[in-house]
């Protein structure tokens, strides 16, 4: 995995996550605002498919965002959000991209604000 930077724009602000540590199947990237006191990291992991007979195996990915913040009582606690994906190794790329876009849109949609803010279903 040769990923060294991911830059995203949220509400007209650019966040450039840069690689902090690299393992064979994982990379940890830090946000520009990450500090030792308030670590803010994005971790990407992958698992290659293992073929079994005629079945091509499952490819798996995960993305974890850990965003620490200091609260009024001076405690530092992270918000942790994680997304995982698993699919057959021969899944159509366009279909998989559609699923990624659907999930991103659902997470950002205002109709799910109650779910995120107060666990409403």
PDB file of N, CA and C in Angstrom:
ATOM      1  N   UNK A   1       0.861  -1.163   0.000  1.00  0.00           N
ATOM      2  CA  UNK A   1       0.000   0.000   0.000  1.00  0.00           C
ATOM      3  C   UNK A   1       0.904   1.220   0.000  1.00  0.00           C
ATOM      4  N   UNK A   2       0.922   1.997  -1.060  1.00  0.00           N
ATOM      5  CA  UNK A   2       1.842   3.120  -1.186  1.00  0.00           C
ATOM      6  C   UNK A   2       1.167   4.467  -0.960  1.00  0.00           C
ATOM      7  N   UNK A   3       0.021   4.469  -0.317  1.00  0.00           N
ATOM      8  CA  UNK A   3      -0.728   5.690  -0.075  1.00  0.00           C
ATOM      9  C   UNK A   3      -0.010   6.553   0.951  1.00  0.00           C
ATOM     10  N   UNK A   4       0.281   7.811   0.602  1.00  0.00           N
ATOM     11  CA  UNK A   4       0.982   8.659   1.558  1.00  0.00           C
ATOM     12  C   UNK A   4       0.162   9.880   1.971  1.00  0.00           C
ATOM     13  N   UNK A   5      -0.835  10.271   1.161  1.00  0.00           N
ATOM     14  CA  UNK A   5      -1.661  11.437   1.480  1.00  0.00           C
ATOM     15  C   UNK A   5      -3.074  11.233   0.944  1.00  0.00           C
ATOM     16  N   UNK A   6      -4.054  11.656   1.724  1.00  0.00           N
ATOM     17  CA  UNK A   6      -5.438  11.738   1.260  1.00  0.00           C
ATOM     18  C   UNK A   6      -5.925  13.131   1.620  1.00  0.00           C
ATOM     19  N   UNK A   7      -6.389  13.882   0.625  1.00  0.00           N
ATOM     20  CA  UNK A   7      -6.914  15.218   0.864  1.00  0.00           C
ATOM     21  C   UNK A   7      -8.390  15.240   0.513  1.00  0.00           C
ATOM     22  N   UNK A   8      -9.204  15.686   1.447  1.00  0.00           N
ATOM     23  CA  UNK A   8     -10.638  15.824   1.225  1.00  0.00           C
ATOM     24  C   UNK A   8     -11.059  17.235   1.611  1.00  0.00           C
ATOM     25  N   UNK A   9     -12.120  17.713   0.974  1.00  0.00           N
ATOM     26  CA  UNK A   9     -12.657  19.031   1.292  1.00  0.00           C
ATOM     27  C   UNK A   9     -14.015  18.845   1.949  1.00  0.00           C
ATOM     28  N   UNK A  10     -14.175  19.417   3.129  1.00  0.00           N
ATOM     29  CA  UNK A  10     -15.433  19.374   3.861  1.00  0.00           C
ATOM     30  C   UNK A  10     -15.782  20.799   4.264  1.00  0.00           C
ATOM     31  N   UNK A  11     -16.965  21.256   3.853  1.00  0.00           N
ATOM     32  CA  UNK A  11     -17.426  22.613   4.164  1.00  0.00           C
ATOM     33  C   UNK A  11     -16.360  23.657   3.802  1.00  0.00           C
ATOM     34  N   UNK A  12     -15.802  23.526   2.614  1.00  0.00           N
ATOM     35  CA  UNK A  12     -14.808  24.452   2.049  1.00  0.00           C
ATOM     36  C   UNK A  12     -13.473  24.455   2.796  1.00  0.00           C
ATOM     37  N   UNK A  13     -13.233  23.467   3.648  1.00  0.00           N
ATOM     38  CA  UNK A  13     -11.955  23.335   4.361  1.00  0.00           C
ATOM     39  C   UNK A  13     -11.270  22.067   3.861  1.00  0.00           C
ATOM     40  N   UNK A  14      -9.993  22.189   3.485  1.00  0.00           N
ATOM     41  CA  UNK A  14      -9.217  21.030   3.043  1.00  0.00           C
ATOM     42  C   UNK A  14      -8.575  20.338   4.245  1.00  0.00           C
ATOM     43  N   UNK A  15      -8.707  19.025   4.257  1.00  0.00           N
ATOM     44  CA  UNK A  15      -8.062  18.206   5.278  1.00  0.00           C
ATOM     45  C   UNK A  15      -7.105  17.272   4.553  1.00  0.00           C
ATOM     46  N   UNK A  16      -5.820  17.455   4.787  1.00  0.00           N
ATOM     47  CA  UNK A  16      -4.809  16.619   4.143  1.00  0.00           C
ATOM     48  C   UNK A  16      -4.261  15.642   5.178  1.00  0.00           C
ATOM     49  N   UNK A  17      -4.701  14.396   5.100  1.00  0.00           N
ATOM     50  CA  UNK A  17      -4.209  13.350   5.984  1.00  0.00           C
ATOM     51  C   UNK A  17      -2.893  12.829   5.405  1.00  0.00           C
ATOM     52  N   UNK A  18      -1.855  12.758   6.218  1.00  0.00           N
ATOM     53  CA  UNK A  18      -0.560  12.292   5.733  1.00  0.00           C
ATOM     54  C   UNK A  18      -0.125  11.040   6.497  1.00  0.00           C
ATOM     55  N   UNK A  19       0.563  10.160   5.790  1.00  0.00           N
ATOM     56  CA  UNK A  19       0.962   8.864   6.355  1.00  0.00           C
ATOM     57  C   UNK A  19       1.852   9.052   7.580  1.00  0.00           C
ATOM     58  N   UNK A  20       1.518   8.286   8.618  1.00  0.00           N
ATOM     59  CA  UNK A  20       2.283   8.309   9.862  1.00  0.00           C
ATOM     60  C   UNK A  20       2.977   6.967  10.064  1.00  0.00           C
ATOM     61  N   UNK A  21       2.259   5.893   9.747  1.00  0.00           N
ATOM     62  CA  UNK A  21       2.864   4.569   9.874  1.00  0.00           C
ATOM     63  C   UNK A  21       2.316   3.662   8.775  1.00  0.00           C
ATOM     64  N   UNK A  22       3.135   2.715   8.386  1.00  0.00           N
ATOM     65  CA  UNK A  22       2.795   1.833   7.279  1.00  0.00           C
ATOM     66  C   UNK A  22       3.115   0.397   7.670  1.00  0.00           C
ATOM     67  N   UNK A  23       2.152  -0.500   7.442  1.00  0.00           N
ATOM     68  CA  UNK A  23       2.356  -1.933   7.633  1.00  0.00           C
ATOM     69  C   UNK A  23       2.064  -2.597   6.298  1.00  0.00           C
ATOM     70  N   UNK A  24       2.221  -3.901   6.218  1.00  0.00           N
ATOM     71  CA  UNK A  24       2.024  -4.589   4.944  1.00  0.00           C
ATOM     72  C   UNK A  24       0.623  -4.359   4.381  1.00  0.00           C
ATOM     73  N   UNK A  25      -0.406  -4.440   5.209  1.00  0.00           N
ATOM     74  CA  UNK A  25      -1.775  -4.301   4.725  1.00  0.00           C
ATOM     75  C   UNK A  25      -2.554  -3.206   5.436  1.00  0.00           C
ATOM     76  N   UNK A  26      -1.854  -2.193   5.940  1.00  0.00           N
ATOM     77  CA  UNK A  26      -2.518  -1.088   6.616  1.00  0.00           C
ATOM     78  C   UNK A  26      -1.652   0.168   6.547  1.00  0.00           C
ATOM     79  N   UNK A  27      -2.341   1.301   6.571  1.00  0.00           N
ATOM     80  CA  UNK A  27      -1.644   2.581   6.657  1.00  0.00           C
ATOM     81  C   UNK A  27      -2.424   3.465   7.622  1.00  0.00           C
ATOM     82  N   UNK A  28      -1.707   4.199   8.447  1.00  0.00           N
ATOM     83  CA  UNK A  28      -2.319   5.146   9.380  1.00  0.00           C
ATOM     84  C   UNK A  28      -1.910   6.539   8.930  1.00  0.00           C
ATOM     85  N   UNK A  29      -2.913   7.386   8.726  1.00  0.00           N
ATOM     86  CA  UNK A  29      -2.679   8.754   8.285  1.00  0.00           C
ATOM     87  C   UNK A  29      -3.176   9.707   9.360  1.00  0.00           C
ATOM     88  N   UNK A  30      -2.464  10.805   9.571  1.00  0.00           N
ATOM     89  CA  UNK A  30      -2.841  11.780  10.586  1.00  0.00           C
ATOM     90  C   UNK A  30      -3.408  13.037   9.951  1.00  0.00           C
ATOM     91  N   UNK A  31      -4.416  13.604  10.617  1.00  0.00           N
ATOM     92  CA  UNK A  31      -4.989  14.881  10.183  1.00  0.00           C
ATOM     93  C   UNK A  31      -4.009  15.991  10.532  1.00  0.00           C
ATOM     94  N   UNK A  32      -4.101  17.131   9.830  1.00  0.00           N
ATOM     95  CA  UNK A  32      -3.194  18.245  10.126  1.00  0.00           C
ATOM     96  C   UNK A  32      -3.323  18.734  11.576  1.00  0.00           C
ATOM     97  N   UNK A  33      -4.513  18.591  12.161  1.00  0.00           N
ATOM     98  CA  UNK A  33      -4.747  19.077  13.529  1.00  0.00           C
ATOM     99  C   UNK A  33      -4.408  18.035  14.594  1.00  0.00           C
ATOM    100  N   UNK A  34      -3.871  16.892  14.199  1.00  0.00           N
ATOM    101  CA  UNK A  34      -3.540  15.843  15.155  1.00  0.00           C
ATOM    102  C   UNK A  34      -2.378  16.268  16.040  1.00  0.00           C
ATOM    103  N   UNK A  35      -2.534  16.005  17.338  1.00  0.00           N
ATOM    104  CA  UNK A  35      -1.463  16.285  18.296  1.00  0.00           C
ATOM    105  C   UNK A  35      -1.307  15.063  19.200  1.00  0.00           C
ATOM    106  N   UNK A  36      -0.290  15.073  20.044  1.00  0.00           N
ATOM    107  CA  UNK A  36      -0.129  13.981  21.004  1.00  0.00           C
ATOM    108  C   UNK A  36      -1.294  13.955  21.993  1.00  0.00           C
ATOM    109  N   UNK A  37      -1.828  15.125  22.334  1.00  0.00           N
ATOM    110  CA  UNK A  37      -2.939  15.218  23.276  1.00  0.00           C
ATOM    111  C   UNK A  37      -4.260  14.865  22.600  1.00  0.00           C
ATOM    112  N   UNK A  38      -4.463  15.354  21.377  1.00  0.00           N
ATOM    113  CA  UNK A  38      -5.692  15.091  20.625  1.00  0.00           C
ATOM    114  C   UNK A  38      -5.347  14.405  19.303  1.00  0.00           C
ATOM    115  N   UNK A  39      -5.097  13.092  19.349  1.00  0.00           N
ATOM    116  CA  UNK A  39      -4.768  12.394  18.100  1.00  0.00           C
ATOM    117  C   UNK A  39      -5.985  12.298  17.181  1.00  0.00           C
ATOM    118  N   UNK A  40      -5.759  12.516  15.905  1.00  0.00           N
ATOM    119  CA  UNK A  40      -6.814  12.453  14.894  1.00  0.00           C
ATOM    120  C   UNK A  40      -6.259  11.669  13.711  1.00  0.00           C
ATOM    121  N   UNK A  41      -6.747  10.444  13.575  1.00  0.00           N
ATOM    122  CA  UNK A  41      -6.133   9.529  12.608  1.00  0.00           C
ATOM    123  C   UNK A  41      -7.168   8.827  11.744  1.00  0.00           C
ATOM    124  N   UNK A  42      -6.740   8.498  10.542  1.00  0.00           N
ATOM    125  CA  UNK A  42      -7.495   7.685   9.606  1.00  0.00           C
ATOM    126  C   UNK A  42      -6.664   6.431   9.353  1.00  0.00           C
ATOM    127  N   UNK A  43      -7.255   5.259   9.575  1.00  0.00           N
ATOM    128  CA  UNK A  43      -6.547   3.997   9.357  1.00  0.00           C
ATOM    129  C   UNK A  43      -7.245   3.223   8.248  1.00  0.00           C
ATOM    130  N   UNK A  44      -6.490   2.809   7.257  1.00  0.00           N
ATOM    131  CA  UNK A  44      -7.006   2.012   6.142  1.00  0.00           C
ATOM    132  C   UNK A  44      -6.385   0.626   6.216  1.00  0.00           C
ATOM    133  N   UNK A  45      -7.228  -0.399   6.085  1.00  0.00           N
ATOM    134  CA  UNK A  45      -6.750  -1.788   6.117  1.00  0.00           C
ATOM    135  C   UNK A  45      -7.320  -2.553   4.936  1.00  0.00           C
ATOM    136  N   UNK A  46      -6.606  -3.594   4.522  1.00  0.00           N
ATOM    137  CA  UNK A  46      -7.088  -4.445   3.429  1.00  0.00           C
ATOM    138  C   UNK A  46      -6.785  -5.901   3.745  1.00  0.00           C
ATOM    139  N   UNK A  47      -7.644  -6.779   3.204  1.00  0.00           N
ATOM    140  CA  UNK A  47      -7.425  -8.224   3.287  1.00  0.00           C
ATOM    141  C   UNK A  47      -7.652  -8.759   1.886  1.00  0.00           C
ATOM    142  N   UNK A  48      -6.625  -9.360   1.331  1.00  0.00           N
ATOM    143  CA  UNK A  48      -6.730  -9.916  -0.019  1.00  0.00           C
ATOM    144  C   UNK A  48      -7.596 -11.168  -0.020  1.00  0.00           C
ATOM    145  N   UNK A  49      -8.300 -11.408  -1.122  1.00  0.00           N
ATOM    146  CA  UNK A  49      -9.147 -12.608  -1.205  1.00  0.00           C
ATOM    147  C   UNK A  49      -8.318 -13.889  -1.228  1.00  0.00           C
ATOM    148  N   UNK A  50      -8.909 -14.940  -0.675  1.00  0.00           N
ATOM    149  CA  UNK A  50      -8.277 -16.264  -0.707  1.00  0.00           C
ATOM    150  C   UNK A  50      -9.182 -17.167  -1.534  1.00  0.00           C
ATOM    151  N   UNK A  51      -8.720 -17.538  -2.695  1.00  0.00           N
ATOM    152  CA  UNK A  51      -9.494 -18.373  -3.601  1.00  0.00           C
ATOM    153  C   UNK A  51      -9.691 -19.764  -2.993  1.00  0.00           C
ATOM    154  N   UNK A  52     -10.909 -20.303  -3.184  1.00  0.00           N
ATOM    155  CA  UNK A  52     -11.214 -21.641  -2.699  1.00  0.00           C
ATOM    156  C   UNK A  52     -11.962 -22.387  -3.801  1.00  0.00           C
ATOM    157  N   UNK A  53     -11.286 -23.308  -4.433  1.00  0.00           N
ATOM    158  CA  UNK A  53     -11.892 -24.014  -5.563  1.00  0.00           C
ATOM    159  C   UNK A  53     -12.210 -23.037  -6.681  1.00  0.00           C
ATOM    160  N   UNK A  54     -13.465 -23.024  -7.119  1.00  0.00           N
ATOM    161  CA  UNK A  54     -13.851 -22.091  -8.182  1.00  0.00           C
ATOM    162  C   UNK A  54     -14.319 -20.748  -7.622  1.00  0.00           C
ATOM    163  N   UNK A  55     -14.479 -20.661  -6.285  1.00  0.00           N
ATOM    164  CA  UNK A  55     -14.910 -19.404  -5.674  1.00  0.00           C
ATOM    165  C   UNK A  55     -13.710 -18.458  -5.593  1.00  0.00           C
ATOM    166  N   UNK A  56     -13.857 -17.210  -6.086  1.00  0.00           N
ATOM    167  CA  UNK A  56     -12.703 -16.301  -6.142  1.00  0.00           C
ATOM    168  C   UNK A  56     -12.277 -15.711  -4.801  1.00  0.00           C
ATOM    169  N   UNK A  57     -13.052 -15.922  -3.758  1.00  0.00           N
ATOM    170  CA  UNK A  57     -12.707 -15.368  -2.453  1.00  0.00           C
ATOM    171  C   UNK A  57     -13.328 -14.003  -2.242  1.00  0.00           C
ATOM    172  N   UNK A  58     -13.203 -13.491  -1.021  1.00  0.00           N
ATOM    173  CA  UNK A  58     -13.743 -12.178  -0.671  1.00  0.00           C
ATOM    174  C   UNK A  58     -12.608 -11.195  -0.428  1.00  0.00           C
ATOM    175  N   UNK A  59     -12.740 -10.034  -1.035  1.00  0.00           N
ATOM    176  CA  UNK A  59     -11.820  -8.932  -0.756  1.00  0.00           C
ATOM    177  C   UNK A  59     -12.463  -8.103   0.353  1.00  0.00           C
ATOM    178  N   UNK A  60     -11.647  -7.634   1.314  1.00  0.00           N
ATOM    179  CA  UNK A  60     -12.196  -6.843   2.411  1.00  0.00           C
ATOM    180  C   UNK A  60     -11.348  -5.594   2.615  1.00  0.00           C
ATOM    181  N   UNK A  61     -12.038  -4.502   2.945  1.00  0.00           N
ATOM    182  CA  UNK A  61     -11.391  -3.236   3.257  1.00  0.00           C
ATOM    183  C   UNK A  61     -12.034  -2.672   4.513  1.00  0.00           C
ATOM    184  N   UNK A  62     -11.290  -1.891   5.262  1.00  0.00           N
ATOM    185  CA  UNK A  62     -11.894  -1.135   6.353  1.00  0.00           C
ATOM    186  C   UNK A  62     -11.213   0.223   6.459  1.00  0.00           C
ATOM    187  N   UNK A  63     -12.003   1.171   6.915  1.00  0.00           N
ATOM    188  CA  UNK A  63     -11.568   2.545   7.094  1.00  0.00           C
ATOM    189  C   UNK A  63     -12.026   2.970   8.481  1.00  0.00           C
ATOM    190  N   UNK A  64     -11.122   3.495   9.279  1.00  0.00           N
ATOM    191  CA  UNK A  64     -11.491   3.911  10.637  1.00  0.00           C
ATOM    192  C   UNK A  64     -10.977   5.327  10.880  1.00  0.00           C
ATOM    193  N   UNK A  65     -11.887   6.205  11.286  1.00  0.00           N
ATOM    194  CA  UNK A  65     -11.528   7.576  11.634  1.00  0.00           C
ATOM    195  C   UNK A  65     -11.652   7.717  13.143  1.00  0.00           C
ATOM    196  N   UNK A  66     -10.596   8.141  13.782  1.00  0.00           N
ATOM    197  CA  UNK A  66     -10.595   8.396  15.220  1.00  0.00           C
ATOM    198  C   UNK A  66     -10.233   9.864  15.408  1.00  0.00           C
ATOM    199  N   UNK A  67     -11.160  10.645  15.967  1.00  0.00           N
ATOM    200  CA  UNK A  67     -11.018  12.102  16.035  1.00  0.00           C
ATOM    201  C   UNK A  67     -11.167  12.542  17.484  1.00  0.00           C
ATOM    202  N   UNK A  68     -10.066  12.712  18.192  1.00  0.00           N
ATOM    203  CA  UNK A  68     -10.097  13.076  19.614  1.00  0.00           C
ATOM    204  C   UNK A  68     -10.408  14.549  19.793  1.00  0.00           C
ATOM    205  N   UNK A  69     -11.117  14.839  20.867  1.00  0.00           N
ATOM    206  CA  UNK A  69     -11.479  16.215  21.178  1.00  0.00           C
ATOM    207  C   UNK A  69     -11.443  16.379  22.698  1.00  0.00           C
ATOM    208  N   UNK A  70     -11.164  17.606  23.152  1.00  0.00           N
ATOM    209  CA  UNK A  70     -11.158  17.913  24.579  1.00  0.00           C
ATOM    210  C   UNK A  70     -12.521  18.473  24.955  1.00  0.00           C
ATOM    211  N   UNK A  71     -13.098  17.926  26.014  1.00  0.00           N
ATOM    212  CA  UNK A  71     -14.431  18.318  26.461  1.00  0.00           C
ATOM    213  C   UNK A  71     -14.359  19.300  27.626  1.00  0.00           C
ATOM    214  N   UNK A  72     -15.510  19.835  28.022  1.00  0.00           N
ATOM    215  CA  UNK A  72     -15.578  20.856  29.068  1.00  0.00           C
ATOM    216  C   UNK A  72     -14.932  20.396  30.368  1.00  0.00           C
ATOM    217  N   UNK A  73     -15.020  19.094  30.671  1.00  0.00           N
ATOM    218  CA  UNK A  73     -14.397  18.575  31.897  1.00  0.00           C
ATOM    219  C   UNK A  73     -12.904  18.284  31.727  1.00  0.00           C
ATOM    220  N   UNK A  74     -12.342  18.720  30.602  1.00  0.00           N
ATOM    221  CA  UNK A  74     -10.931  18.581  30.242  1.00  0.00           C
ATOM    222  C   UNK A  74     -10.508  17.161  29.910  1.00  0.00           C
ATOM    223  N   UNK A  75     -11.479  16.257  29.748  1.00  0.00           N
ATOM    224  CA  UNK A  75     -11.133  14.904  29.307  1.00  0.00           C
ATOM    225  C   UNK A  75     -10.998  14.900  27.788  1.00  0.00           C
ATOM    226  N   UNK A  76     -10.155  14.036  27.299  1.00  0.00           N
ATOM    227  CA  UNK A  76      -9.954  13.882  25.864  1.00  0.00           C
ATOM    228  C   UNK A  76     -10.545  12.533  25.467  1.00  0.00           C
ATOM    229  N   UNK A  77     -11.528  12.574  24.569  1.00  0.00           N
ATOM    230  CA  UNK A  77     -12.225  11.364  24.147  1.00  0.00           C
ATOM    231  C   UNK A  77     -12.395  11.391  22.640  1.00  0.00           C
ATOM    232  N   UNK A  78     -12.157  10.258  21.967  1.00  0.00           N
ATOM    233  CA  UNK A  78     -12.304  10.260  20.504  1.00  0.00           C
ATOM    234  C   UNK A  78     -13.732   9.936  20.053  1.00  0.00           C
ATOM    235  N   UNK A  79     -14.076  10.504  18.928  1.00  0.00           N
ATOM    236  CA  UNK A  79     -15.223  10.041  18.146  1.00  0.00           C
ATOM    237  C   UNK A  79     -14.617   8.999  17.216  1.00  0.00           C
ATOM    238  N   UNK A  80     -15.210   7.817  17.163  1.00  0.00           N
ATOM    239  CA  UNK A  80     -14.674   6.764  16.301  1.00  0.00           C
ATOM    240  C   UNK A  80     -15.752   6.352  15.309  1.00  0.00           C
ATOM    241  N   UNK A  81     -15.424   6.413  14.031  1.00  0.00           N
ATOM    242  CA  UNK A  81     -16.334   5.976  12.977  1.00  0.00           C
ATOM    243  C   UNK A  81     -15.590   4.974  12.110  1.00  0.00           C
ATOM    244  N   UNK A  82     -16.274   3.888  11.767  1.00  0.00           N
ATOM    245  CA  UNK A  82     -15.623   2.839  10.989  1.00  0.00           C
ATOM    246  C   UNK A  82     -16.544   2.346   9.882  1.00  0.00           C
ATOM    247  N   UNK A  83     -15.951   2.088   8.733  1.00  0.00           N
ATOM    248  CA  UNK A  83     -16.674   1.533   7.584  1.00  0.00           C
ATOM    249  C   UNK A  83     -15.914   0.293   7.132  1.00  0.00           C
ATOM    250  N   UNK A  84     -16.642  -0.797   6.921  1.00  0.00           N
ATOM    251  CA  UNK A  84     -16.018  -2.007   6.396  1.00  0.00           C
ATOM    252  C   UNK A  84     -16.743  -2.426   5.124  1.00  0.00           C
ATOM    253  N   UNK A  85     -16.020  -3.073   4.247  1.00  0.00           N
ATOM    254  CA  UNK A  85     -16.601  -3.570   3.000  1.00  0.00           C
ATOM    255  C   UNK A  85     -16.066  -4.975   2.751  1.00  0.00           C
ATOM    256  N   UNK A  86     -16.964  -5.826   2.263  1.00  0.00           N
ATOM    257  CA  UNK A  86     -16.585  -7.179   1.888  1.00  0.00           C
ATOM    258  C   UNK A  86     -17.349  -7.521   0.624  1.00  0.00           C
ATOM    259  N   UNK A  87     -16.651  -8.065  -0.353  1.00  0.00           N
ATOM    260  CA  UNK A  87     -17.293  -8.443  -1.610  1.00  0.00           C
ATOM    261  C   UNK A  87     -16.486  -9.540  -2.274  1.00  0.00           C
ATOM    262  N   UNK A  88     -17.181 -10.265  -3.175  1.00  0.00           N
ATOM    263  CA  UNK A  88     -16.467 -11.265  -3.968  1.00  0.00           C
ATOM    264  C   UNK A  88     -15.349 -10.576  -4.743  1.00  0.00           C
ATOM    265  N   UNK A  89     -14.275 -11.273  -4.917  1.00  0.00           N
ATOM    266  CA  UNK A  89     -13.125 -10.700  -5.619  1.00  0.00           C
ATOM    267  C   UNK A  89     -13.451 -10.313  -7.054  1.00  0.00           C
ATOM    268  N   UNK A  90     -14.453 -10.963  -7.655  1.00  0.00           N
ATOM    269  CA  UNK A  90     -14.789 -10.643  -9.045  1.00  0.00           C
ATOM    270  C   UNK A  90     -16.013  -9.732  -9.169  1.00  0.00           C
ATOM    271  N   UNK A  91     -16.332  -8.989  -8.104  1.00  0.00           N
ATOM    272  CA  UNK A  91     -17.453  -8.048  -8.147  1.00  0.00           C
ATOM    273  C   UNK A  91     -17.186  -6.975  -9.192  1.00  0.00           C
ATOM    274  N   UNK A  92     -18.228  -6.621  -9.928  1.00  0.00           N
ATOM    275  CA  UNK A  92     -18.131  -5.571 -10.947  1.00  0.00           C
ATOM    276  C   UNK A  92     -17.722  -4.247 -10.282  1.00  0.00           C
ATOM    277  N   UNK A  93     -16.698  -3.600 -10.807  1.00  0.00           N
ATOM    278  CA  UNK A  93     -16.160  -2.371 -10.217  1.00  0.00           C
ATOM    279  C   UNK A  93     -17.202  -1.254 -10.179  1.00  0.00           C
ATOM    280  N   UNK A  94     -18.015  -1.141 -11.220  1.00  0.00           N
ATOM    281  CA  UNK A  94     -19.040  -0.087 -11.258  1.00  0.00           C
ATOM    282  C   UNK A  94     -20.100  -0.313 -10.179  1.00  0.00           C
ATOM    283  N   UNK A  95     -20.475  -1.560  -9.964  1.00  0.00           N
ATOM    284  CA  UNK A  95     -21.468  -1.889  -8.937  1.00  0.00           C
ATOM    285  C   UNK A  95     -20.916  -1.587  -7.547  1.00  0.00           C
ATOM    286  N   UNK A  96     -19.645  -1.921  -7.334  1.00  0.00           N
ATOM    287  CA  UNK A  96     -19.016  -1.648  -6.044  1.00  0.00           C
ATOM    288  C   UNK A  96     -18.898  -0.141  -5.804  1.00  0.00           C
ATOM    289  N   UNK A  97     -18.545   0.614  -6.847  1.00  0.00           N
ATOM    290  CA  UNK A  97     -18.461   2.071  -6.737  1.00  0.00           C
ATOM    291  C   UNK A  97     -19.830   2.663  -6.402  1.00  0.00           C
ATOM    292  N   UNK A  98     -20.878   2.150  -7.021  1.00  0.00           N
ATOM    293  CA  UNK A  98     -22.229   2.616  -6.719  1.00  0.00           C
ATOM    294  C   UNK A  98     -22.536   2.407  -5.236  1.00  0.00           C
ATOM    295  N   UNK A  99     -22.215   1.255  -4.694  1.00  0.00           N
ATOM    296  CA  UNK A  99     -22.463   0.980  -3.271  1.00  0.00           C
ATOM    297  C   UNK A  99     -21.682   1.935  -2.371  1.00  0.00           C
ATOM    298  N   UNK A 100     -20.438   2.230  -2.731  1.00  0.00           N
ATOM    299  CA  UNK A 100     -19.640   3.194  -1.953  1.00  0.00           C
ATOM    300  C   UNK A 100     -20.301   4.565  -1.962  1.00  0.00           C
ATOM    301  N   UNK A 101     -20.747   5.000  -3.139  1.00  0.00           N
ATOM    302  CA  UNK A 101     -21.400   6.309  -3.261  1.00  0.00           C
ATOM    303  C   UNK A 101     -22.714   6.349  -2.501  1.00  0.00           C
ATOM    304  N   UNK A 102     -23.481   5.261  -2.566  1.00  0.00           N
ATOM    305  CA  UNK A 102     -24.746   5.208  -1.828  1.00  0.00           C
ATOM    306  C   UNK A 102     -24.500   5.338  -0.328  1.00  0.00           C
ATOM    307  N   UNK A 103     -23.553   4.593   0.201  1.00  0.00           N
ATOM    308  CA  UNK A 103     -23.274   4.660   1.628  1.00  0.00           C
ATOM    309  C   UNK A 103     -22.805   6.053   2.041  1.00  0.00           C
ATOM    310  N   UNK A 104     -21.915   6.655   1.262  1.00  0.00           N
ATOM    311  CA  UNK A 104     -21.432   8.011   1.567  1.00  0.00           C
ATOM    312  C   UNK A 104     -22.593   9.005   1.574  1.00  0.00           C
ATOM    313  N   UNK A 105     -23.493   8.887   0.608  1.00  0.00           N
ATOM    314  CA  UNK A 105     -24.639   9.799   0.531  1.00  0.00           C
ATOM    315  C   UNK A 105     -25.590   9.586   1.710  1.00  0.00           C
ATOM    316  N   UNK A 106     -25.820   8.341   2.088  1.00  0.00           N
ATOM    317  CA  UNK A 106     -26.720   8.047   3.211  1.00  0.00           C
ATOM    318  C   UNK A 106     -26.134   8.584   4.514  1.00  0.00           C
ATOM    319  N   UNK A 107     -24.848   8.424   4.717  1.00  0.00           N
ATOM    320  CA  UNK A 107     -24.195   8.938   5.926  1.00  0.00           C
ATOM    321  C   UNK A 107     -24.352  10.454   6.005  1.00  0.00           C
ATOM    322  N   UNK A 108     -24.188  11.152   4.880  1.00  0.00           N
ATOM    323  CA  UNK A 108     -24.232  12.618   4.859  1.00  0.00           C
ATOM    324  C   UNK A 108     -25.645  13.190   4.793  1.00  0.00           C
ATOM    325  N   UNK A 109     -26.639  12.388   4.442  1.00  0.00           N
ATOM    326  CA  UNK A 109     -27.999  12.889   4.238  1.00  0.00           C
ATOM    327  C   UNK A 109     -28.627  13.369   5.544  1.00  0.00           C
ATOM    328  N   UNK A 110     -29.318  14.505   5.485  1.00  0.00           N
ATOM    329  CA  UNK A 110     -29.944  15.077   6.683  1.00  0.00           C
ATOM    330  C   UNK A 110     -31.028  14.173   7.266  1.00  0.00           C
ATOM    331  N   UNK A 111     -31.578  13.275   6.460  1.00  0.00           N
ATOM    332  CA  UNK A 111     -32.601  12.363   6.974  1.00  0.00           C
ATOM    333  C   UNK A 111     -32.038  11.389   8.007  1.00  0.00           C
ATOM    334  N   UNK A 112     -30.722  11.218   8.042  1.00  0.00           N
ATOM    335  CA  UNK A 112     -30.128  10.327   9.049  1.00  0.00           C
ATOM    336  C   UNK A 112     -29.546  11.094  10.242  1.00  0.00           C
ATOM    337  N   UNK A 113     -29.749  12.428  10.288  1.00  0.00           N
ATOM    338  CA  UNK A 113     -29.220  13.220  11.409  1.00  0.00           C
ATOM    339  C   UNK A 113     -29.713  12.714  12.764  1.00  0.00           C
ATOM    340  N   UNK A 114     -31.001  12.367  12.846  1.00  0.00           N
ATOM    341  CA  UNK A 114     -31.549  11.864  14.109  1.00  0.00           C
ATOM    342  C   UNK A 114     -30.875  10.572  14.543  1.00  0.00           C
ATOM    343  N   UNK A 115     -30.595   9.725  13.581  1.00  0.00           N
ATOM    344  CA  UNK A 115     -29.898   8.474  13.860  1.00  0.00           C
ATOM    345  C   UNK A 115     -28.522   8.761  14.454  1.00  0.00           C
ATOM    346  N   UNK A 116     -27.773   9.673  13.836  1.00  0.00           N
ATOM    347  CA  UNK A 116     -26.428   9.975  14.307  1.00  0.00           C
ATOM    348  C   UNK A 116     -26.440  10.755  15.618  1.00  0.00           C
ATOM    349  N   UNK A 117     -27.378  11.710  15.770  1.00  0.00           N
ATOM    350  CA  UNK A 117     -27.373  12.582  16.947  1.00  0.00           C
ATOM    351  C   UNK A 117     -27.974  11.925  18.193  1.00  0.00           C
ATOM    352  N   UNK A 118     -29.065  11.177  18.009  1.00  0.00           N
ATOM    353  CA  UNK A 118     -29.758  10.656  19.196  1.00  0.00           C
ATOM    354  C   UNK A 118     -30.151   9.182  19.086  1.00  0.00           C
ATOM    355  N   UNK A 119     -29.537   8.479  18.132  1.00  0.00           N
ATOM    356  CA  UNK A 119     -29.783   7.048  17.939  1.00  0.00           C
ATOM    357  C   UNK A 119     -31.208   6.730  17.516  1.00  0.00           C
ATOM    358  N   UNK A 120     -31.943   7.705  16.965  1.00  0.00           N
ATOM    359  CA  UNK A 120     -33.319   7.435  16.522  1.00  0.00           C
ATOM    360  C   UNK A 120     -33.319   6.583  15.279  1.00  0.00           C
ATOM    361  N   UNK A 121     -34.321   5.712  15.230  1.00  0.00           N
ATOM    362  CA  UNK A 121     -34.492   4.871  14.033  1.00  0.00           C
ATOM    363  C   UNK A 121     -35.746   5.257  13.331  1.00  0.00           C
TER     364      UNK A 121
END
